[in-house]
Amino acid sequence: MNEPRLDGLCAGIVVADHICEPVDHVPVAGELVLTSRMELSVGGCAANVAVCLAKLGHRAAVVGKVGADSFGQFVRLFLEAQGVGTEHLGESTARDTSGTLVINTRGEDRRFIHSIGANGELTGEDISRELIRNARVLYVGGYGVMDAMSPQSLAAAFQAARAAGVPTLLDVVIGKPGDHWSRLQPVLPYTDVFLPNDDEARVISGLDKPAEQARAFRDAGAKTVIVTCGKFGAVFASDETVLQCDGYEIEFVDGTGSGDAFTAGYIHGLLTGADPISCLRYGSALGASCVRATGATSGVFSRTKLEAFVKGRPLAIRKL
């Protein structure tokens, strides 16, 4: 059997992020608030996870869509500079590149203004079966803000991955109100790891406690569920156990991309044959490294730094 050419195939949203250093407050109408720095960077779940995996020394590629504009060119060049494969990053002739304005305010969670753009054209059929067979892991991120990606097309891609022995990981982004549960139900039975944050899980399930949320998604068919809870860690649920994982304490600058970094750290554990607890430690550590700098991937550890951090910083993980 041929050796897979990719470690991580990352499909989903790809975004041009406009990010400011933290400001004291959100401006009121007509007010100008100064920040020490603004930057244009690349974000979106698929791009973030792929870049993090590349930083950890894994072979990663993106399946996504950008516009035929300067932001699309920037996104492509940025990903290539990070060592991420862009051969399957398509170009829309009808929509601009997706963009997010990230407003960081000291002492508060981030605020986002988002344009779906070209991401709205991506479908499950864009994730080719040949690509899936040539990957060790299939990750799809941003499900919920990709209008053309039907539950049936994504479920079919995940079914193909399962038939090929390729683990599937799914993350969501909740935008406009809607029946998110019905869009998830056809996909979860073919999902090996489902990774919502607690806010997303609350909107989808209607439940407040992460352990209850995880149980609901497991009952709907997901093999493993990890509900991330920001600085409060994560809840992990599988056939064997339910675990509460604390978060690492680290100086916080910007939370953009921290959930995607957690996912990439967890995938790193899967790719290296680690047990679930070690995978959680990798995910928590990489997620913590992300918040040290502005931007979705700027502060993310290399593999050497990740291993040293995990080894030198014990993390409490306990059964629920």
C-alpha atoms as a PDB file:
ATOM      1  CA  MET A   1       0.000   0.000   0.000  1.00  0.00           C
ATOM      2  CA  ASN A   2       1.329   3.480  -0.895  1.00  0.00           C
ATOM      3  CA  GLU A   3       2.443   5.716   1.947  1.00  0.00           C
ATOM      4  CA  PRO A   4       0.018   8.683   2.451  1.00  0.00           C
ATOM      5  CA  ARG A   5       1.455  11.870   0.972  1.00  0.00           C
ATOM      6  CA  LEU A   6      -0.202  14.114   3.565  1.00  0.00           C
ATOM      7  CA  ASP A   7      -0.373  13.980   7.339  1.00  0.00           C
ATOM      8  CA  GLY A   8      -3.241  16.449   7.636  1.00  0.00           C
ATOM      9  CA  LEU A   9      -5.825  17.298   4.974  1.00  0.00           C
ATOM     10  CA  CYS A  10      -7.540  20.452   6.261  1.00  0.00           C
ATOM     11  CA  ALA A  11     -10.745  21.480   4.495  1.00  0.00           C
ATOM     12  CA  GLY A  12     -13.010  24.387   5.297  1.00  0.00           C
ATOM     13  CA  ILE A  13     -12.909  28.110   5.839  1.00  0.00           C
ATOM     14  CA  VAL A  14      -9.914  30.234   4.862  1.00  0.00           C
ATOM     15  CA  VAL A  15     -10.015  33.888   5.910  1.00  0.00           C
ATOM     16  CA  ALA A  16      -8.052  37.128   5.624  1.00  0.00           C
ATOM     17  CA  ASP A  17      -7.947  38.396   9.236  1.00  0.00           C
ATOM     18  CA  HIS A  18      -7.638  42.080  10.141  1.00  0.00           C
ATOM     19  CA  ILE A  19      -6.495  42.158  13.776  1.00  0.00           C
ATOM     20  CA  CYS A  20      -5.758  44.954  16.249  1.00  0.00           C
ATOM     21  CA  GLU A  21      -3.634  44.904  19.372  1.00  0.00           C
ATOM     22  CA  PRO A  22      -5.910  45.095  22.438  1.00  0.00           C
ATOM     23  CA  VAL A  23      -7.701  48.426  22.945  1.00  0.00           C
ATOM     24  CA  ASP A  24      -9.072  49.845  26.192  1.00  0.00           C
ATOM     25  CA  HIS A  25     -12.676  49.834  25.021  1.00  0.00           C
ATOM     26  CA  VAL A  26     -14.867  49.403  21.962  1.00  0.00           C
ATOM     27  CA  PRO A  27     -15.469  52.819  20.366  1.00  0.00           C
ATOM     28  CA  VAL A  28     -18.918  54.328  20.561  1.00  0.00           C
ATOM     29  CA  ALA A  29     -20.509  55.853  17.459  1.00  0.00           C
ATOM     30  CA  GLY A  30     -18.181  58.457  15.947  1.00  0.00           C
ATOM     31  CA  GLU A  31     -15.310  57.781  18.375  1.00  0.00           C
ATOM     32  CA  LEU A  32     -11.712  57.019  17.334  1.00  0.00           C
ATOM     33  CA  VAL A  33      -9.830  54.546  19.559  1.00  0.00           C
ATOM     34  CA  LEU A  34      -6.095  54.058  19.032  1.00  0.00           C
ATOM     35  CA  THR A  35      -4.282  50.713  19.003  1.00  0.00           C
ATOM     36  CA  SER A  36      -0.530  50.184  19.027  1.00  0.00           C
ATOM     37  CA  ARG A  37      -0.609  47.896  16.002  1.00  0.00           C
ATOM     38  CA  MET A  38      -2.856  46.376  13.350  1.00  0.00           C
ATOM     39  CA  GLU A  39      -1.994  43.506  11.047  1.00  0.00           C
ATOM     40  CA  LEU A  40      -3.318  41.571   8.110  1.00  0.00           C
ATOM     41  CA  SER A  41      -2.972  37.851   8.677  1.00  0.00           C
ATOM     42  CA  VAL A  42      -4.550  34.568   7.672  1.00  0.00           C
ATOM     43  CA  GLY A  43      -7.189  32.827   9.729  1.00  0.00           C
ATOM     44  CA  GLY A  44     -10.107  30.459   9.341  1.00  0.00           C
ATOM     45  CA  CYS A  45     -10.236  26.997  10.837  1.00  0.00           C
ATOM     46  CA  ALA A  46      -8.769  25.069   7.899  1.00  0.00           C
ATOM     47  CA  ALA A  47      -5.910  27.507   7.352  1.00  0.00           C
ATOM     48  CA  ASN A  48      -5.110  27.765  11.066  1.00  0.00           C
ATOM     49  CA  VAL A  49      -4.970  24.028  11.678  1.00  0.00           C
ATOM     50  CA  ALA A  50      -2.881  23.463   8.554  1.00  0.00           C
ATOM     51  CA  VAL A  51      -0.361  26.160   9.527  1.00  0.00           C
ATOM     52  CA  CYS A  52      -0.091  24.788  13.080  1.00  0.00           C
ATOM     53  CA  LEU A  53       0.503  21.263  11.760  1.00  0.00           C
ATOM     54  CA  ALA A  54       3.192  22.569   9.402  1.00  0.00           C
ATOM     55  CA  LYS A  55       4.878  24.344  12.328  1.00  0.00           C
ATOM     56  CA  LEU A  56       4.937  20.985  14.112  1.00  0.00           C
ATOM     57  CA  GLY A  57       6.707  19.393  11.157  1.00  0.00           C
ATOM     58  CA  HIS A  58       3.711  17.644   9.589  1.00  0.00           C
ATOM     59  CA  ARG A  59       2.766  17.649   5.915  1.00  0.00           C
ATOM     60  CA  ALA A  60      -0.445  19.656   5.630  1.00  0.00           C
ATOM     61  CA  ALA A  61      -2.594  20.947   2.785  1.00  0.00           C
ATOM     62  CA  VAL A  62      -5.726  23.081   2.560  1.00  0.00           C
ATOM     63  CA  VAL A  63      -8.924  22.477   0.608  1.00  0.00           C
ATOM     64  CA  GLY A  64     -10.806  25.768   0.419  1.00  0.00           C
ATOM     65  CA  LYS A  65     -11.819  28.783  -1.641  1.00  0.00           C
ATOM     66  CA  VAL A  66     -10.524  32.349  -1.967  1.00  0.00           C
ATOM     67  CA  GLY A  67     -11.529  35.195  -4.265  1.00  0.00           C
ATOM     68  CA  ALA A  68      -9.693  36.499  -7.316  1.00  0.00           C
ATOM     69  CA  ASP A  69      -8.562  39.547  -5.330  1.00  0.00           C
ATOM     70  CA  SER A  70      -5.499  40.849  -3.486  1.00  0.00           C
ATOM     71  CA  PHE A  71      -6.606  39.233  -0.226  1.00  0.00           C
ATOM     72  CA  GLY A  72      -6.851  35.848  -1.959  1.00  0.00           C
ATOM     73  CA  GLN A  73      -3.339  36.269  -3.320  1.00  0.00           C
ATOM     74  CA  PHE A  74      -2.113  37.220   0.154  1.00  0.00           C
ATOM     75  CA  VAL A  75      -3.747  34.153   1.715  1.00  0.00           C
ATOM     76  CA  ARG A  76      -2.192  31.826  -0.847  1.00  0.00           C
ATOM     77  CA  LEU A  77       1.305  33.319  -0.484  1.00  0.00           C
ATOM     78  CA  PHE A  78       1.061  33.262   3.314  1.00  0.00           C
ATOM     79  CA  LEU A  79       0.093  29.591   3.423  1.00  0.00           C
ATOM     80  CA  GLU A  80       2.821  28.617   0.973  1.00  0.00           C
ATOM     81  CA  ALA A  81       5.397  30.520   3.047  1.00  0.00           C
ATOM     82  CA  GLN A  82       4.303  28.482   6.079  1.00  0.00           C
ATOM     83  CA  GLY A  83       4.860  25.230   4.191  1.00  0.00           C
ATOM     84  CA  VAL A  84       1.170  24.451   3.626  1.00  0.00           C
ATOM     85  CA  GLY A  85       0.066  22.895   0.335  1.00  0.00           C
ATOM     86  CA  THR A  86      -2.298  25.159  -1.632  1.00  0.00           C
ATOM     87  CA  GLU A  87      -2.796  23.076  -4.790  1.00  0.00           C
ATOM     88  CA  HIS A  88      -6.419  22.508  -3.773  1.00  0.00           C
ATOM     89  CA  LEU A  89      -7.161  26.082  -2.693  1.00  0.00           C
ATOM     90  CA  GLY A  90      -9.667  27.079  -5.364  1.00  0.00           C
ATOM     91  CA  GLU A  91     -10.467  30.543  -6.665  1.00  0.00           C
ATOM     92  CA  SER A  92     -13.961  31.966  -6.929  1.00  0.00           C
ATOM     93  CA  THR A  93     -14.858  34.239  -9.836  1.00  0.00           C
ATOM     94  CA  ALA A  94     -18.054  35.419  -8.153  1.00  0.00           C
ATOM     95  CA  ARG A  95     -17.133  36.079  -4.518  1.00  0.00           C
ATOM     96  CA  ASP A  96     -14.384  37.939  -2.681  1.00  0.00           C
ATOM     97  CA  THR A  97     -12.021  36.312  -0.217  1.00  0.00           C
ATOM     98  CA  SER A  98     -13.614  35.806   3.186  1.00  0.00           C
ATOM     99  CA  GLY A  99     -12.594  38.386   5.793  1.00  0.00           C
ATOM    100  CA  THR A 100     -12.840  38.829   9.547  1.00  0.00           C
ATOM    101  CA  LEU A 101     -12.328  42.016  11.537  1.00  0.00           C
ATOM    102  CA  VAL A 102     -11.032  40.910  14.960  1.00  0.00           C
ATOM    103  CA  ILE A 103     -11.498  43.488  17.724  1.00  0.00           C
ATOM    104  CA  ASN A 104      -9.442  42.781  20.840  1.00  0.00           C
ATOM    105  CA  THR A 105     -10.470  44.629  23.998  1.00  0.00           C
ATOM    106  CA  ARG A 106      -8.454  44.314  27.224  1.00  0.00           C
ATOM    107  CA  GLY A 107     -10.149  42.100  29.783  1.00  0.00           C
ATOM    108  CA  GLU A 108     -12.886  40.979  27.372  1.00  0.00           C
ATOM    109  CA  ASP A 109     -13.404  38.251  24.817  1.00  0.00           C
ATOM    110  CA  ARG A 110     -12.788  39.070  21.156  1.00  0.00           C
ATOM    111  CA  ARG A 111     -15.443  40.546  18.903  1.00  0.00           C
ATOM    112  CA  PHE A 112     -15.742  39.506  15.260  1.00  0.00           C
ATOM    113  CA  ILE A 113     -17.228  41.020  12.120  1.00  0.00           C
ATOM    114  CA  HIS A 114     -17.153  38.364   9.394  1.00  0.00           C
ATOM    115  CA  SER A 115     -17.810  38.106   5.676  1.00  0.00           C
ATOM    116  CA  ILE A 116     -18.391  34.543   4.393  1.00  0.00           C
ATOM    117  CA  GLY A 117     -17.216  35.374   0.876  1.00  0.00           C
ATOM    118  CA  ALA A 118     -15.740  32.580  -1.231  1.00  0.00           C
ATOM    119  CA  ASN A 119     -16.013  30.098   1.659  1.00  0.00           C
ATOM    120  CA  GLY A 120     -19.714  29.948   0.849  1.00  0.00           C
ATOM    121  CA  GLU A 121     -18.949  28.037  -2.361  1.00  0.00           C
ATOM    122  CA  LEU A 122     -17.045  25.110  -0.835  1.00  0.00           C
ATOM    123  CA  THR A 123     -18.845  21.747  -0.922  1.00  0.00           C
ATOM    124  CA  GLY A 124     -18.177  18.255   0.329  1.00  0.00           C
ATOM    125  CA  GLU A 125     -17.472  17.215  -3.259  1.00  0.00           C
ATOM    126  CA  ASP A 126     -14.438  19.539  -3.280  1.00  0.00           C
ATOM    127  CA  ILE A 127     -12.794  17.138  -0.820  1.00  0.00           C
ATOM    128  CA  SER A 128     -11.804  14.568  -3.422  1.00  0.00           C
ATOM    129  CA  ARG A 129     -11.732  10.899  -2.537  1.00  0.00           C
ATOM    130  CA  GLU A 130      -8.194  10.595  -3.899  1.00  0.00           C
ATOM    131  CA  LEU A 131      -7.039  13.348  -1.546  1.00  0.00           C
ATOM    132  CA  ILE A 132      -8.724  11.612   1.373  1.00  0.00           C
ATOM    133  CA  ARG A 133      -7.010   8.310   0.586  1.00  0.00           C
ATOM    134  CA  ASN A 134      -3.658  10.127   0.457  1.00  0.00           C
ATOM    135  CA  ALA A 135      -4.030  11.640   3.935  1.00  0.00           C
ATOM    136  CA  ARG A 136      -3.517  10.295   7.437  1.00  0.00           C
ATOM    137  CA  VAL A 137      -6.162  12.590   8.973  1.00  0.00           C
ATOM    138  CA  LEU A 138      -9.106  14.535   7.505  1.00  0.00           C
ATOM    139  CA  TYR A 139     -10.116  17.702   9.337  1.00  0.00           C
ATOM    140  CA  VAL A 140     -13.068  19.909   8.353  1.00  0.00           C
ATOM    141  CA  GLY A 141     -13.424  23.259  10.086  1.00  0.00           C
ATOM    142  CA  GLY A 142     -15.963  26.042   9.842  1.00  0.00           C
ATOM    143  CA  TYR A 143     -18.965  23.836   9.152  1.00  0.00           C
ATOM    144  CA  GLY A 144     -21.959  26.101   9.668  1.00  0.00           C
ATOM    145  CA  VAL A 145     -20.740  29.126   7.683  1.00  0.00           C
ATOM    146  CA  MET A 146     -20.187  27.309   4.383  1.00  0.00           C
ATOM    147  CA  ASP A 147     -23.570  27.663   2.721  1.00  0.00           C
ATOM    148  CA  ALA A 148     -22.937  25.207  -0.115  1.00  0.00           C
ATOM    149  CA  MET A 149     -21.619  22.399   2.095  1.00  0.00           C
ATOM    150  CA  SER A 150     -24.711  20.275   2.632  1.00  0.00           C
ATOM    151  CA  PRO A 151     -24.911  17.728   5.443  1.00  0.00           C
ATOM    152  CA  GLN A 152     -25.220  14.984   2.836  1.00  0.00           C
ATOM    153  CA  SER A 153     -22.077  16.006   0.927  1.00  0.00           C
ATOM    154  CA  LEU A 154     -19.993  16.299   4.101  1.00  0.00           C
ATOM    155  CA  ALA A 155     -21.334  12.993   5.439  1.00  0.00           C
ATOM    156  CA  ALA A 156     -20.376  11.330   2.142  1.00  0.00           C
ATOM    157  CA  ALA A 157     -16.822  12.685   2.409  1.00  0.00           C
ATOM    158  CA  PHE A 158     -16.555  11.426   5.986  1.00  0.00           C
ATOM    159  CA  GLN A 159     -17.959   8.047   4.960  1.00  0.00           C
ATOM    160  CA  ALA A 160     -15.267   7.809   2.278  1.00  0.00           C
ATOM    161  CA  ALA A 161     -12.634   8.673   4.865  1.00  0.00           C
ATOM    162  CA  ARG A 162     -13.890   6.023   7.273  1.00  0.00           C
ATOM    163  CA  ALA A 163     -13.877   3.432   4.484  1.00  0.00           C
ATOM    164  CA  ALA A 164     -10.260   4.375   3.763  1.00  0.00           C
ATOM    165  CA  GLY A 165      -9.287   4.152   7.439  1.00  0.00           C
ATOM    166  CA  VAL A 166      -8.681   7.916   7.692  1.00  0.00           C
ATOM    167  CA  PRO A 167      -9.784   9.510  11.013  1.00  0.00           C
ATOM    168  CA  THR A 168     -12.253  12.394  10.668  1.00  0.00           C
ATOM    169  CA  LEU A 169     -12.307  15.529  12.821  1.00  0.00           C
ATOM    170  CA  LEU A 170     -15.031  18.187  12.664  1.00  0.00           C
ATOM    171  CA  ASP A 171     -15.278  21.721  14.017  1.00  0.00           C
ATOM    172  CA  VAL A 172     -18.088  24.219  13.596  1.00  0.00           C
ATOM    173  CA  VAL A 173     -18.590  27.961  13.416  1.00  0.00           C
ATOM    174  CA  ILE A 174     -21.990  29.290  14.441  1.00  0.00           C
ATOM    175  CA  GLY A 175     -23.068  32.359  12.491  1.00  0.00           C
ATOM    176  CA  LYS A 176     -26.672  33.288  11.897  1.00  0.00           C
ATOM    177  CA  PRO A 177     -29.435  31.591  13.928  1.00  0.00           C
ATOM    178  CA  GLY A 178     -30.749  28.338  12.510  1.00  0.00           C
ATOM    179  CA  ASP A 179     -31.402  24.668  13.062  1.00  0.00           C
ATOM    180  CA  HIS A 180     -27.763  23.706  13.539  1.00  0.00           C
ATOM    181  CA  TRP A 181     -28.658  20.365  15.109  1.00  0.00           C
ATOM    182  CA  SER A 182     -30.359  19.053  11.976  1.00  0.00           C
ATOM    183  CA  ARG A 183     -27.290  19.945   9.899  1.00  0.00           C
ATOM    184  CA  LEU A 184     -25.053  18.005  12.265  1.00  0.00           C
ATOM    185  CA  GLN A 185     -27.153  14.861  12.663  1.00  0.00           C
ATOM    186  CA  PRO A 186     -26.271  13.257   9.276  1.00  0.00           C
ATOM    187  CA  VAL A 187     -22.538  13.951   9.815  1.00  0.00           C
ATOM    188  CA  LEU A 188     -21.877  12.990  13.445  1.00  0.00           C
ATOM    189  CA  PRO A 189     -22.232   9.200  12.925  1.00  0.00           C
ATOM    190  CA  TYR A 190     -19.176   9.387  10.624  1.00  0.00           C
ATOM    191  CA  THR A 191     -17.213  11.794  12.842  1.00  0.00           C
ATOM    192  CA  ASP A 192     -14.361  10.366  14.872  1.00  0.00           C
ATOM    193  CA  VAL A 193     -13.664  13.566  16.844  1.00  0.00           C
ATOM    194  CA  PHE A 194     -16.114  16.479  17.182  1.00  0.00           C
ATOM    195  CA  LEU A 195     -14.565  19.657  18.640  1.00  0.00           C
ATOM    196  CA  PRO A 196     -17.025  22.497  19.369  1.00  0.00           C
ATOM    197  CA  ASN A 197     -16.345  25.114  22.012  1.00  0.00           C
ATOM    198  CA  ASP A 198     -18.787  25.390  24.892  1.00  0.00           C
ATOM    199  CA  ASP A 199     -20.592  28.410  23.414  1.00  0.00           C
ATOM    200  CA  GLU A 200     -21.147  26.630  20.101  1.00  0.00           C
ATOM    201  CA  ALA A 201     -22.165  23.445  21.883  1.00  0.00           C
ATOM    202  CA  ARG A 202     -24.697  25.388  23.965  1.00  0.00           C
ATOM    203  CA  VAL A 203     -26.306  26.951  20.894  1.00  0.00           C
ATOM    204  CA  ILE A 204     -26.480  23.615  19.056  1.00  0.00           C
ATOM    205  CA  SER A 205     -27.632  21.369  21.913  1.00  0.00           C
ATOM    206  CA  GLY A 206     -29.535  23.776  24.152  1.00  0.00           C
ATOM    207  CA  LEU A 207     -27.581  22.388  27.123  1.00  0.00           C
ATOM    208  CA  ASP A 208     -25.445  24.454  29.517  1.00  0.00           C
ATOM    209  CA  LYS A 209     -22.943  21.983  30.991  1.00  0.00           C
ATOM    210  CA  PRO A 210     -20.068  20.814  28.752  1.00  0.00           C
ATOM    211  CA  ALA A 211     -20.321  17.228  30.007  1.00  0.00           C
ATOM    212  CA  GLU A 212     -24.018  17.141  29.082  1.00  0.00           C
ATOM    213  CA  GLN A 213     -23.257  18.719  25.712  1.00  0.00           C
ATOM    214  CA  ALA A 214     -20.600  16.096  25.019  1.00  0.00           C
ATOM    215  CA  ARG A 215     -22.995  13.304  25.961  1.00  0.00           C
ATOM    216  CA  ALA A 216     -25.649  14.649  23.580  1.00  0.00           C
ATOM    217  CA  PHE A 217     -23.217  14.708  20.658  1.00  0.00           C
ATOM    218  CA  ARG A 218     -21.987  11.221  21.534  1.00  0.00           C
ATOM    219  CA  ASP A 219     -25.605  10.000  21.615  1.00  0.00           C
ATOM    220  CA  ALA A 220     -26.007  11.466  18.107  1.00  0.00           C
ATOM    221  CA  GLY A 221     -23.175   9.290  16.839  1.00  0.00           C
ATOM    222  CA  ALA A 222     -19.865  11.126  17.320  1.00  0.00           C
ATOM    223  CA  LYS A 223     -17.183   8.671  18.415  1.00  0.00           C
ATOM    224  CA  THR A 224     -15.252  11.157  20.556  1.00  0.00           C
ATOM    225  CA  VAL A 225     -16.348  14.642  21.617  1.00  0.00           C
ATOM    226  CA  ILE A 226     -14.099  17.377  22.988  1.00  0.00           C
ATOM    227  CA  VAL A 227     -15.846  20.529  24.211  1.00  0.00           C
ATOM    228  CA  THR A 228     -13.233  23.261  24.638  1.00  0.00           C
ATOM    229  CA  CYS A 229     -13.902  25.826  27.348  1.00  0.00           C
ATOM    230  CA  GLY A 230     -11.205  28.486  26.878  1.00  0.00           C
ATOM    231  CA  LYS A 231      -9.108  29.105  29.989  1.00  0.00           C
ATOM    232  CA  PHE A 232     -11.230  26.540  31.852  1.00  0.00           C
ATOM    233  CA  GLY A 233      -9.839  23.687  29.753  1.00  0.00           C
ATOM    234  CA  ALA A 234     -11.901  21.050  27.994  1.00  0.00           C
ATOM    235  CA  VAL A 235     -14.236  18.100  28.505  1.00  0.00           C
ATOM    236  CA  PHE A 236     -13.388  14.865  26.664  1.00  0.00           C
ATOM    237  CA  ALA A 237     -15.919  12.071  26.146  1.00  0.00           C
ATOM    238  CA  SER A 238     -15.415   8.698  24.434  1.00  0.00           C
ATOM    239  CA  ASP A 239     -16.636   5.109  24.726  1.00  0.00           C
ATOM    240  CA  GLU A 240     -14.127   4.493  27.487  1.00  0.00           C
ATOM    241  CA  THR A 241     -14.236   7.597  29.664  1.00  0.00           C
ATOM    242  CA  VAL A 242     -15.266  11.191  30.344  1.00  0.00           C
ATOM    243  CA  LEU A 243     -12.428  13.518  31.347  1.00  0.00           C
ATOM    244  CA  GLN A 244     -12.097  17.091  32.584  1.00  0.00           C
ATOM    245  CA  CYS A 245      -8.878  18.737  31.403  1.00  0.00           C
ATOM    246  CA  ASP A 246      -7.678  21.967  33.009  1.00  0.00           C
ATOM    247  CA  GLY A 247      -6.226  24.803  30.950  1.00  0.00           C
ATOM    248  CA  TYR A 248      -2.618  25.970  31.109  1.00  0.00           C
ATOM    249  CA  GLU A 249      -2.090  29.351  32.744  1.00  0.00           C
ATOM    250  CA  ILE A 250      -0.183  31.633  30.380  1.00  0.00           C
ATOM    251  CA  GLU A 251       0.042  35.359  29.615  1.00  0.00           C
ATOM    252  CA  PHE A 252      -2.941  36.257  27.426  1.00  0.00           C
ATOM    253  CA  VAL A 253      -2.675  38.662  24.488  1.00  0.00           C
ATOM    254  CA  ASP A 254      -5.160  37.479  21.835  1.00  0.00           C
ATOM    255  CA  GLY A 255      -7.371  34.393  21.771  1.00  0.00           C
ATOM    256  CA  THR A 256      -7.768  34.327  17.982  1.00  0.00           C
ATOM    257  CA  GLY A 257      -7.148  30.807  16.666  1.00  0.00           C
ATOM    258  CA  SER A 258      -6.605  29.203  20.075  1.00  0.00           C
ATOM    259  CA  GLY A 259      -9.329  26.605  19.493  1.00  0.00           C
ATOM    260  CA  ASP A 260      -7.809  25.691  16.136  1.00  0.00           C
ATOM    261  CA  ALA A 261      -4.381  25.408  17.756  1.00  0.00           C
ATOM    262  CA  PHE A 262      -5.911  23.049  20.329  1.00  0.00           C
ATOM    263  CA  THR A 263      -7.239  20.931  17.465  1.00  0.00           C
ATOM    264  CA  ALA A 264      -3.859  20.896  15.725  1.00  0.00           C
ATOM    265  CA  GLY A 265      -2.151  19.841  18.958  1.00  0.00           C
ATOM    266  CA  TYR A 266      -4.657  17.041  19.389  1.00  0.00           C
ATOM    267  CA  ILE A 267      -4.087  15.925  15.780  1.00  0.00           C
ATOM    268  CA  HIS A 268      -0.341  15.996  16.441  1.00  0.00           C
ATOM    269  CA  GLY A 269      -0.964  13.518  19.233  1.00  0.00           C
ATOM    270  CA  LEU A 270      -2.986  11.270  16.918  1.00  0.00           C
ATOM    271  CA  LEU A 271      -0.280  11.401  14.235  1.00  0.00           C
ATOM    272  CA  THR A 272       2.432  10.467  16.714  1.00  0.00           C
ATOM    273  CA  GLY A 273       0.460   7.581  18.233  1.00  0.00           C
ATOM    274  CA  ALA A 274      -0.163   9.245  21.590  1.00  0.00           C
ATOM    275  CA  ASP A 275      -2.869   8.097  24.001  1.00  0.00           C
ATOM    276  CA  PRO A 276      -5.965  10.308  24.550  1.00  0.00           C
ATOM    277  CA  ILE A 277      -4.599  11.980  27.687  1.00  0.00           C
ATOM    278  CA  SER A 278      -1.359  12.914  25.914  1.00  0.00           C
ATOM    279  CA  CYS A 279      -3.390  14.176  22.940  1.00  0.00           C
ATOM    280  CA  LEU A 280      -5.321  16.431  25.325  1.00  0.00           C
ATOM    281  CA  ARG A 281      -2.065  17.753  26.803  1.00  0.00           C
ATOM    282  CA  TYR A 282      -0.699  18.518  23.341  1.00  0.00           C
ATOM    283  CA  GLY A 283      -3.935  20.251  22.379  1.00  0.00           C
ATOM    284  CA  SER A 284      -4.078  22.316  25.566  1.00  0.00           C
ATOM    285  CA  ALA A 285      -0.422  23.327  25.297  1.00  0.00           C
ATOM    286  CA  LEU A 286      -0.623  24.362  21.644  1.00  0.00           C
ATOM    287  CA  GLY A 287      -3.838  26.261  22.328  1.00  0.00           C
ATOM    288  CA  ALA A 288      -2.139  28.083  25.211  1.00  0.00           C
ATOM    289  CA  SER A 289       0.863  28.969  23.050  1.00  0.00           C
ATOM    290  CA  CYS A 290      -1.435  30.620  20.520  1.00  0.00           C
ATOM    291  CA  VAL A 291      -2.798  33.278  22.900  1.00  0.00           C
ATOM    292  CA  ARG A 292       0.665  34.755  23.598  1.00  0.00           C
ATOM    293  CA  ALA A 293       0.602  36.912  20.429  1.00  0.00           C
ATOM    294  CA  THR A 294      -1.883  38.574  18.120  1.00  0.00           C
ATOM    295  CA  GLY A 295      -2.956  36.542  15.125  1.00  0.00           C
ATOM    296  CA  ALA A 296      -4.272  33.027  14.734  1.00  0.00           C
ATOM    297  CA  THR A 297      -0.900  31.250  14.427  1.00  0.00           C
ATOM    298  CA  SER A 298       1.856  33.775  15.248  1.00  0.00           C
ATOM    299  CA  GLY A 299       2.590  32.493  18.741  1.00  0.00           C
ATOM    300  CA  VAL A 300       2.141  28.754  18.120  1.00  0.00           C
ATOM    301  CA  PHE A 301       4.921  26.470  19.376  1.00  0.00           C
ATOM    302  CA  SER A 302       7.276  24.490  17.179  1.00  0.00           C
ATOM    303  CA  ARG A 303       7.398  20.739  17.856  1.00  0.00           C
ATOM    304  CA  THR A 304      10.524  21.084  20.045  1.00  0.00           C
ATOM    305  CA  LYS A 305       8.958  23.829  22.158  1.00  0.00           C
ATOM    306  CA  LEU A 306       5.669  21.945  22.406  1.00  0.00           C
ATOM    307  CA  GLU A 307       7.365  18.796  23.681  1.00  0.00           C
ATOM    308  CA  ALA A 308       9.418  20.785  26.208  1.00  0.00           C
ATOM    309  CA  PHE A 309       6.353  22.717  27.422  1.00  0.00           C
ATOM    310  CA  VAL A 310       4.262  19.583  27.926  1.00  0.00           C
ATOM    311  CA  LYS A 311       7.111  17.807  29.684  1.00  0.00           C
ATOM    312  CA  GLY A 312       7.827  20.708  32.016  1.00  0.00           C
ATOM    313  CA  ARG A 313       4.253  21.789  32.806  1.00  0.00           C
ATOM    314  CA  PRO A 314       2.025  19.063  34.315  1.00  0.00           C
ATOM    315  CA  LEU A 315      -1.665  19.438  33.467  1.00  0.00           C
ATOM    316  CA  ALA A 316      -4.472  18.193  35.677  1.00  0.00           C
ATOM    317  CA  ILE A 317      -6.773  15.728  33.912  1.00  0.00           C
ATOM    318  CA  ARG A 318      -9.371  13.861  35.924  1.00  0.00           C
ATOM    319  CA  LYS A 319     -12.301  11.540  35.354  1.00  0.00           C
ATOM    320  CA  LEU A 320     -15.845  12.844  35.646  1.00  0.00           C
END
